[in-house]
PDB file of N, CA and C in Angstrom:
ATOM      1  N   MET A   1     -20.869 -14.246   6.642  1.00  0.00           N
ATOM      2  CA  MET A   1     -21.237 -15.359   7.465  1.00  0.00           C
ATOM      3  C   MET A   1     -19.979 -16.168   7.953  1.00  0.00           C
ATOM      4  N   ILE A   2     -20.039 -16.637   9.084  1.00  0.00           N
ATOM      5  CA  ILE A   2     -18.823 -17.265   9.580  1.00  0.00           C
ATOM      6  C   ILE A   2     -18.993 -18.756   9.268  1.00  0.00           C
ATOM      7  N   ASN A   3     -17.926 -19.341   8.859  1.00  0.00           N
ATOM      8  CA  ASN A   3     -17.843 -20.816   8.603  1.00  0.00           C
ATOM      9  C   ASN A   3     -17.641 -21.449   9.945  1.00  0.00           C
ATOM     10  N   THR A   4     -18.777 -21.833  10.646  1.00  0.00           N
ATOM     11  CA  THR A   4     -18.571 -22.387  11.966  1.00  0.00           C
ATOM     12  C   THR A   4     -17.893 -23.736  11.998  1.00  0.00           C
ATOM     13  N   ASN A   5     -18.146 -24.566  10.895  1.00  0.00           N
ATOM     14  CA  ASN A   5     -17.411 -25.793  10.875  1.00  0.00           C
ATOM     15  C   ASN A   5     -15.906 -25.616  10.914  1.00  0.00           C
ATOM     16  N   LYS A   6     -15.330 -24.770  10.156  1.00  0.00           N
ATOM     17  CA  LYS A   6     -13.921 -24.560  10.092  1.00  0.00           C
ATOM     18  C   LYS A   6     -13.463 -23.915  11.497  1.00  0.00           C
ATOM     19  N   LEU A   7     -14.366 -23.139  12.075  1.00  0.00           N
ATOM     20  CA  LEU A   7     -13.975 -22.388  13.250  1.00  0.00           C
ATOM     21  C   LEU A   7     -13.995 -23.473  14.407  1.00  0.00           C
ATOM     22  N   ARG A   8     -14.906 -24.387  14.512  1.00  0.00           N
ATOM     23  CA  ARG A   8     -14.983 -25.442  15.429  1.00  0.00           C
ATOM     24  C   ARG A   8     -13.731 -26.372  15.275  1.00  0.00           C
ATOM     25  N   GLY A   9     -13.404 -26.688  14.046  1.00  0.00           N
ATOM     26  CA  GLY A   9     -12.222 -27.549  13.775  1.00  0.00           C
ATOM     27  C   GLY A   9     -10.885 -26.826  14.267  1.00  0.00           C
ATOM     28  N   LEU A  10     -10.769 -25.571  14.100  1.00  0.00           N
ATOM     29  CA  LEU A  10      -9.690 -24.821  14.577  1.00  0.00           C
ATOM     30  C   LEU A  10      -9.530 -24.719  16.082  1.00  0.00           C
ATOM     31  N   ILE A  11     -10.727 -24.571  16.644  1.00  0.00           N
ATOM     32  CA  ILE A  11     -10.753 -24.502  18.137  1.00  0.00           C
ATOM     33  C   ILE A  11     -10.206 -25.894  18.666  1.00  0.00           C
ATOM     34  N   ALA A  12     -10.664 -27.074  18.078  1.00  0.00           N
ATOM     35  CA  ALA A  12     -10.233 -28.283  18.527  1.00  0.00           C
ATOM     36  C   ALA A  12      -8.804 -28.508  18.282  1.00  0.00           C
ATOM     37  N   GLU A  13      -8.381 -28.159  17.081  1.00  0.00           N
ATOM     38  CA  GLU A  13      -6.985 -28.302  16.677  1.00  0.00           C
ATOM     39  C   GLU A  13      -6.021 -27.561  17.576  1.00  0.00           C
ATOM     40  N   ARG A  14      -6.484 -26.518  18.208  1.00  0.00           N
ATOM     41  CA  ARG A  14      -5.592 -25.704  18.986  1.00  0.00           C
ATOM     42  C   ARG A  14      -5.643 -26.104  20.505  1.00  0.00           C
ATOM     43  N   GLY A  15      -6.510 -27.251  20.700  1.00  0.00           N
ATOM     44  CA  GLY A  15      -6.522 -27.846  22.064  1.00  0.00           C
ATOM     45  C   GLY A  15      -7.491 -27.019  22.960  1.00  0.00           C
ATOM     46  N   LEU A  16      -8.329 -26.213  22.432  1.00  0.00           N
ATOM     47  CA  LEU A  16      -9.283 -25.484  23.370  1.00  0.00           C
ATOM     48  C   LEU A  16     -10.728 -26.142  23.236  1.00  0.00           C
ATOM     49  N   SER A  17     -11.580 -25.620  23.997  1.00  0.00           N
ATOM     50  CA  SER A  17     -12.993 -25.996  23.903  1.00  0.00           C
ATOM     51  C   SER A  17     -13.736 -24.698  23.610  1.00  0.00           C
ATOM     52  N   GLN A  18     -14.953 -24.783  23.151  1.00  0.00           N
ATOM     53  CA  GLN A  18     -15.770 -23.737  22.943  1.00  0.00           C
ATOM     54  C   GLN A  18     -16.078 -22.954  24.313  1.00  0.00           C
ATOM     55  N   VAL A  19     -16.132 -23.734  25.338  1.00  0.00           N
ATOM     56  CA  VAL A  19     -16.396 -23.092  26.661  1.00  0.00           C
ATOM     57  C   VAL A  19     -15.186 -22.257  27.024  1.00  0.00           C
ATOM     58  N   LYS A  20     -13.981 -22.675  26.883  1.00  0.00           N
ATOM     59  CA  LYS A  20     -12.752 -22.002  27.231  1.00  0.00           C
ATOM     60  C   LYS A  20     -12.618 -20.738  26.369  1.00  0.00           C
ATOM     61  N   LEU A  21     -12.907 -20.962  25.020  1.00  0.00           N
ATOM     62  CA  LEU A  21     -12.885 -19.711  24.212  1.00  0.00           C
ATOM     63  C   LEU A  21     -14.050 -18.695  24.554  1.00  0.00           C
ATOM     64  N   ALA A  22     -15.164 -19.179  24.912  1.00  0.00           N
ATOM     65  CA  ALA A  22     -16.039 -18.264  25.333  1.00  0.00           C
ATOM     66  C   ALA A  22     -15.690 -17.388  26.629  1.00  0.00           C
ATOM     67  N   LYS A  23     -15.101 -18.128  27.572  1.00  0.00           N
ATOM     68  CA  LYS A  23     -14.565 -17.462  28.782  1.00  0.00           C
ATOM     69  C   LYS A  23     -13.485 -16.391  28.300  1.00  0.00           C
ATOM     70  N   TYR A  24     -12.616 -16.786  27.409  1.00  0.00           N
ATOM     71  CA  TYR A  24     -11.607 -15.924  27.011  1.00  0.00           C
ATOM     72  C   TYR A  24     -12.117 -14.616  26.299  1.00  0.00           C
ATOM     73  N   LEU A  25     -13.247 -14.842  25.683  1.00  0.00           N
ATOM     74  CA  LEU A  25     -13.927 -13.711  25.042  1.00  0.00           C
ATOM     75  C   LEU A  25     -14.741 -12.856  26.004  1.00  0.00           C
ATOM     76  N   GLY A  26     -14.917 -13.397  27.187  1.00  0.00           N
ATOM     77  CA  GLY A  26     -15.754 -12.605  28.220  1.00  0.00           C
ATOM     78  C   GLY A  26     -17.156 -12.795  28.069  1.00  0.00           C
ATOM     79  N   MET A  27     -17.616 -13.964  27.569  1.00  0.00           N
ATOM     80  CA  MET A  27     -19.026 -14.210  27.428  1.00  0.00           C
ATOM     81  C   MET A  27     -19.334 -15.552  28.049  1.00  0.00           C
ATOM     82  N   THR A  28     -20.632 -15.831  28.212  1.00  0.00           N
ATOM     83  CA  THR A  28     -21.007 -17.175  28.719  1.00  0.00           C
ATOM     84  C   THR A  28     -20.990 -18.167  27.584  1.00  0.00           C
ATOM     85  N   PRO A  29     -20.823 -19.500  27.949  1.00  0.00           N
ATOM     86  CA  PRO A  29     -20.852 -20.418  26.920  1.00  0.00           C
ATOM     87  C   PRO A  29     -22.200 -20.451  26.082  1.00  0.00           C
ATOM     88  N   LYS A  30     -23.268 -20.079  26.763  1.00  0.00           N
ATOM     89  CA  LYS A  30     -24.573 -19.916  26.058  1.00  0.00           C
ATOM     90  C   LYS A  30     -24.568 -18.959  25.018  1.00  0.00           C
ATOM     91  N   THR A  31     -24.056 -17.671  25.435  1.00  0.00           N
ATOM     92  CA  THR A  31     -23.871 -16.625  24.369  1.00  0.00           C
ATOM     93  C   THR A  31     -23.066 -17.072  23.230  1.00  0.00           C
ATOM     94  N   PHE A  32     -21.972 -17.636  23.553  1.00  0.00           N
ATOM     95  CA  PHE A  32     -21.035 -18.229  22.468  1.00  0.00           C
ATOM     96  C   PHE A  32     -21.729 -19.180  21.492  1.00  0.00           C
ATOM     97  N   TYR A  33     -22.442 -20.196  22.124  1.00  0.00           N
ATOM     98  CA  TYR A  33     -23.167 -21.073  21.298  1.00  0.00           C
ATOM     99  C   TYR A  33     -24.235 -20.412  20.439  1.00  0.00           C
ATOM    100  N   THR A  34     -24.942 -19.465  20.927  1.00  0.00           N
ATOM    101  CA  THR A  34     -25.888 -18.723  20.284  1.00  0.00           C
ATOM    102  C   THR A  34     -25.265 -17.969  19.032  1.00  0.00           C
ATOM    103  N   LYS A  35     -24.150 -17.301  19.348  1.00  0.00           N
ATOM    104  CA  LYS A  35     -23.465 -16.604  18.272  1.00  0.00           C
ATOM    105  C   LYS A  35     -22.942 -17.594  17.225  1.00  0.00           C
ATOM    106  N   MET A  36     -22.445 -18.751  17.599  1.00  0.00           N
ATOM    107  CA  MET A  36     -22.064 -19.735  16.667  1.00  0.00           C
ATOM    108  C   MET A  36     -23.159 -20.234  15.787  1.00  0.00           C
ATOM    109  N   GLY A  37     -24.341 -20.376  16.441  1.00  0.00           N
ATOM    110  CA  GLY A  37     -25.510 -20.793  15.725  1.00  0.00           C
ATOM    111  C   GLY A  37     -25.947 -19.817  14.740  1.00  0.00           C
ATOM    112  N   ASN A  38     -25.864 -18.489  15.083  1.00  0.00           N
ATOM    113  CA  ASN A  38     -26.314 -17.426  14.253  1.00  0.00           C
ATOM    114  C   ASN A  38     -25.144 -17.098  13.125  1.00  0.00           C
ATOM    115  N   GLY A  39     -23.923 -17.515  13.529  1.00  0.00           N
ATOM    116  CA  GLY A  39     -22.768 -17.232  12.611  1.00  0.00           C
ATOM    117  C   GLY A  39     -22.358 -15.749  12.664  1.00  0.00           C
ATOM    118  N   VAL A  40     -22.683 -15.029  13.842  1.00  0.00           N
ATOM    119  CA  VAL A  40     -22.399 -13.653  13.932  1.00  0.00           C
ATOM    120  C   VAL A  40     -21.677 -13.284  15.179  1.00  0.00           C
ATOM    121  N   PHE A  41     -20.451 -12.751  14.963  1.00  0.00           N
ATOM    122  CA  PHE A  41     -19.637 -12.176  16.061  1.00  0.00           C
ATOM    123  C   PHE A  41     -19.278 -10.771  15.708  1.00  0.00           C
ATOM    124  N   ASP A  42     -18.998  -9.937  16.698  1.00  0.00           N
ATOM    125  CA  ASP A  42     -18.623  -8.547  16.407  1.00  0.00           C
ATOM    126  C   ASP A  42     -17.119  -8.600  16.047  1.00  0.00           C
ATOM    127  N   SER A  43     -16.715  -7.393  15.555  1.00  0.00           N
ATOM    128  CA  SER A  43     -15.226  -7.306  15.117  1.00  0.00           C
ATOM    129  C   SER A  43     -14.252  -7.497  16.226  1.00  0.00           C
ATOM    130  N   ASP A  44     -14.621  -7.009  17.354  1.00  0.00           N
ATOM    131  CA  ASP A  44     -13.694  -7.186  18.544  1.00  0.00           C
ATOM    132  C   ASP A  44     -13.547  -8.661  18.936  1.00  0.00           C
ATOM    133  N   GLU A  45     -14.665  -9.377  18.955  1.00  0.00           N
ATOM    134  CA  GLU A  45     -14.690 -10.902  19.151  1.00  0.00           C
ATOM    135  C   GLU A  45     -13.873 -11.572  18.149  1.00  0.00           C
ATOM    136  N   ILE A  46     -14.081 -11.176  16.916  1.00  0.00           N
ATOM    137  CA  ILE A  46     -13.311 -11.877  15.799  1.00  0.00           C
ATOM    138  C   ILE A  46     -11.859 -11.554  15.918  1.00  0.00           C
ATOM    139  N   GLU A  47     -11.408 -10.414  16.198  1.00  0.00           N
ATOM    140  CA  GLU A  47     -10.053 -10.109  16.370  1.00  0.00           C
ATOM    141  C   GLU A  47      -9.404 -10.919  17.602  1.00  0.00           C
ATOM    142  N   ALA A  48     -10.131 -11.080  18.686  1.00  0.00           N
ATOM    143  CA  ALA A  48      -9.731 -11.767  19.837  1.00  0.00           C
ATOM    144  C   ALA A  48      -9.556 -13.222  19.453  1.00  0.00           C
ATOM    145  N   MET A  49     -10.424 -13.779  18.630  1.00  0.00           N
ATOM    146  CA  MET A  49     -10.343 -15.128  18.317  1.00  0.00           C
ATOM    147  C   MET A  49      -9.199 -15.434  17.385  1.00  0.00           C
ATOM    148  N   ILE A  50      -8.958 -14.436  16.502  1.00  0.00           N
ATOM    149  CA  ILE A  50      -7.781 -14.479  15.563  1.00  0.00           C
ATOM    150  C   ILE A  50      -6.457 -14.661  16.400  1.00  0.00           C
ATOM    151  N   VAL A  51      -6.362 -13.789  17.433  1.00  0.00           N
ATOM    152  CA  VAL A  51      -5.133 -13.764  18.236  1.00  0.00           C
ATOM    153  C   VAL A  51      -5.127 -15.056  19.073  1.00  0.00           C
ATOM    154  N   LYS A  52      -6.203 -15.373  19.747  1.00  0.00           N
ATOM    155  CA  LYS A  52      -6.119 -16.424  20.627  1.00  0.00           C
ATOM    156  C   LYS A  52      -5.894 -17.835  19.880  1.00  0.00           C
ATOM    157  N   LEU A  53      -6.486 -18.062  18.762  1.00  0.00           N
ATOM    158  CA  LEU A  53      -6.364 -19.233  18.028  1.00  0.00           C
ATOM    159  C   LEU A  53      -5.188 -19.235  17.001  1.00  0.00           C
ATOM    160  N   ASP A  54      -4.561 -18.043  16.957  1.00  0.00           N
ATOM    161  CA  ASP A  54      -3.319 -17.925  16.063  1.00  0.00           C
ATOM    162  C   ASP A  54      -3.769 -18.318  14.692  1.00  0.00           C
ATOM    163  N   ILE A  55      -4.777 -17.639  14.125  1.00  0.00           N
ATOM    164  CA  ILE A  55      -5.316 -17.934  12.835  1.00  0.00           C
ATOM    165  C   ILE A  55      -4.445 -17.201  11.779  1.00  0.00           C
ATOM    166  N   PRO A  56      -3.881 -18.034  10.753  1.00  0.00           N
ATOM    167  CA  PRO A  56      -3.129 -17.410   9.705  1.00  0.00           C
ATOM    168  C   PRO A  56      -4.076 -16.443   8.914  1.00  0.00           C
ATOM    169  N   ARG A  57      -3.402 -15.303   8.434  1.00  0.00           N
ATOM    170  CA  ARG A  57      -4.160 -14.380   7.677  1.00  0.00           C
ATOM    171  C   ARG A  57      -4.974 -14.896   6.650  1.00  0.00           C
ATOM    172  N   ASP A  58      -4.400 -15.876   5.783  1.00  0.00           N
ATOM    173  CA  ASP A  58      -5.069 -16.446   4.657  1.00  0.00           C
ATOM    174  C   ASP A  58      -6.365 -17.164   5.056  1.00  0.00           C
ATOM    175  N   LEU A  59      -6.381 -17.701   6.293  1.00  0.00           N
ATOM    176  CA  LEU A  59      -7.504 -18.476   6.731  1.00  0.00           C
ATOM    177  C   LEU A  59      -8.636 -17.584   7.264  1.00  0.00           C
ATOM    178  N   CYS A  60      -8.315 -16.428   7.645  1.00  0.00           N
ATOM    179  CA  CYS A  60      -9.309 -15.599   8.304  1.00  0.00           C
ATOM    180  C   CYS A  60     -10.502 -15.331   7.493  1.00  0.00           C
ATOM    181  N   MET A  61     -10.234 -14.898   6.122  1.00  0.00           N
ATOM    182  CA  MET A  61     -11.356 -14.737   5.253  1.00  0.00           C
ATOM    183  C   MET A  61     -12.182 -15.885   4.974  1.00  0.00           C
ATOM    184  N   ASP A  62     -11.565 -17.123   4.956  1.00  0.00           N
ATOM    185  CA  ASP A  62     -12.331 -18.360   4.882  1.00  0.00           C
ATOM    186  C   ASP A  62     -13.272 -18.559   5.964  1.00  0.00           C
ATOM    187  N   ILE A  63     -12.774 -18.288   7.153  1.00  0.00           N
ATOM    188  CA  ILE A  63     -13.518 -18.546   8.250  1.00  0.00           C
ATOM    189  C   ILE A  63     -14.629 -17.381   8.671  1.00  0.00           C
ATOM    190  N   PHE A  64     -14.195 -16.258   8.880  1.00  0.00           N
ATOM    191  CA  PHE A  64     -14.911 -15.136   9.235  1.00  0.00           C
ATOM    192  C   PHE A  64     -15.768 -14.346   8.319  1.00  0.00           C
ATOM    193  N   PHE A  65     -15.377 -14.492   6.963  1.00  0.00           N
ATOM    194  CA  PHE A  65     -16.210 -13.788   5.993  1.00  0.00           C
ATOM    195  C   PHE A  65     -16.550 -14.764   4.807  1.00  0.00           C
ATOM    196  N   ALA A  66     -16.947 -15.948   5.157  1.00  0.00           N
ATOM    197  CA  ALA A  66     -17.335 -16.881   4.129  1.00  0.00           C
ATOM    198  C   ALA A  66     -18.665 -16.500   3.291  1.00  0.00           C
ATOM    199  N   GLN A  67     -18.564 -16.551   2.059  1.00  0.00           N
ATOM    200  CA  GLN A  67     -19.632 -16.276   1.189  1.00  0.00           C
ATOM    201  C   GLN A  67     -20.808 -17.191   1.365  1.00  0.00           C
ATOM    202  N   GLU A  68     -20.431 -18.418   1.554  1.00  0.00           N
ATOM    203  CA  GLU A  68     -21.573 -19.419   1.641  1.00  0.00           C
ATOM    204  C   GLU A  68     -21.041 -20.567   2.481  1.00  0.00           C
ATOM    205  N   VAL A  69     -21.886 -20.972   3.389  1.00  0.00           N
ATOM    206  CA  VAL A  69     -21.399 -22.096   4.329  1.00  0.00           C
ATOM    207  C   VAL A  69     -22.403 -23.234   4.069  1.00  0.00           C
ATOM    208  N   THR A  70     -21.822 -24.382   3.771  1.00  0.00           N
ATOM    209  CA  THR A  70     -22.721 -25.589   3.527  1.00  0.00           C
ATOM    210  C   THR A  70     -22.638 -26.496   4.620  1.00  0.00           C
TER     211      THR A  70
END
């Protein structure tokens, strides 16, 4: 499950919005918000977010493969 809180924080930290990231990923903001709500993205989307947000390797597991999200 994706830690959406950490992902949202990283999006903001990088000076982006969820809308801009959605467009970068080639999806509508509504689709992006739905995926955030479900905590599910496919591997291509995850890879694109890692590149776009310049996510360090050690943080990838914490964000995209969180065991439990509170």
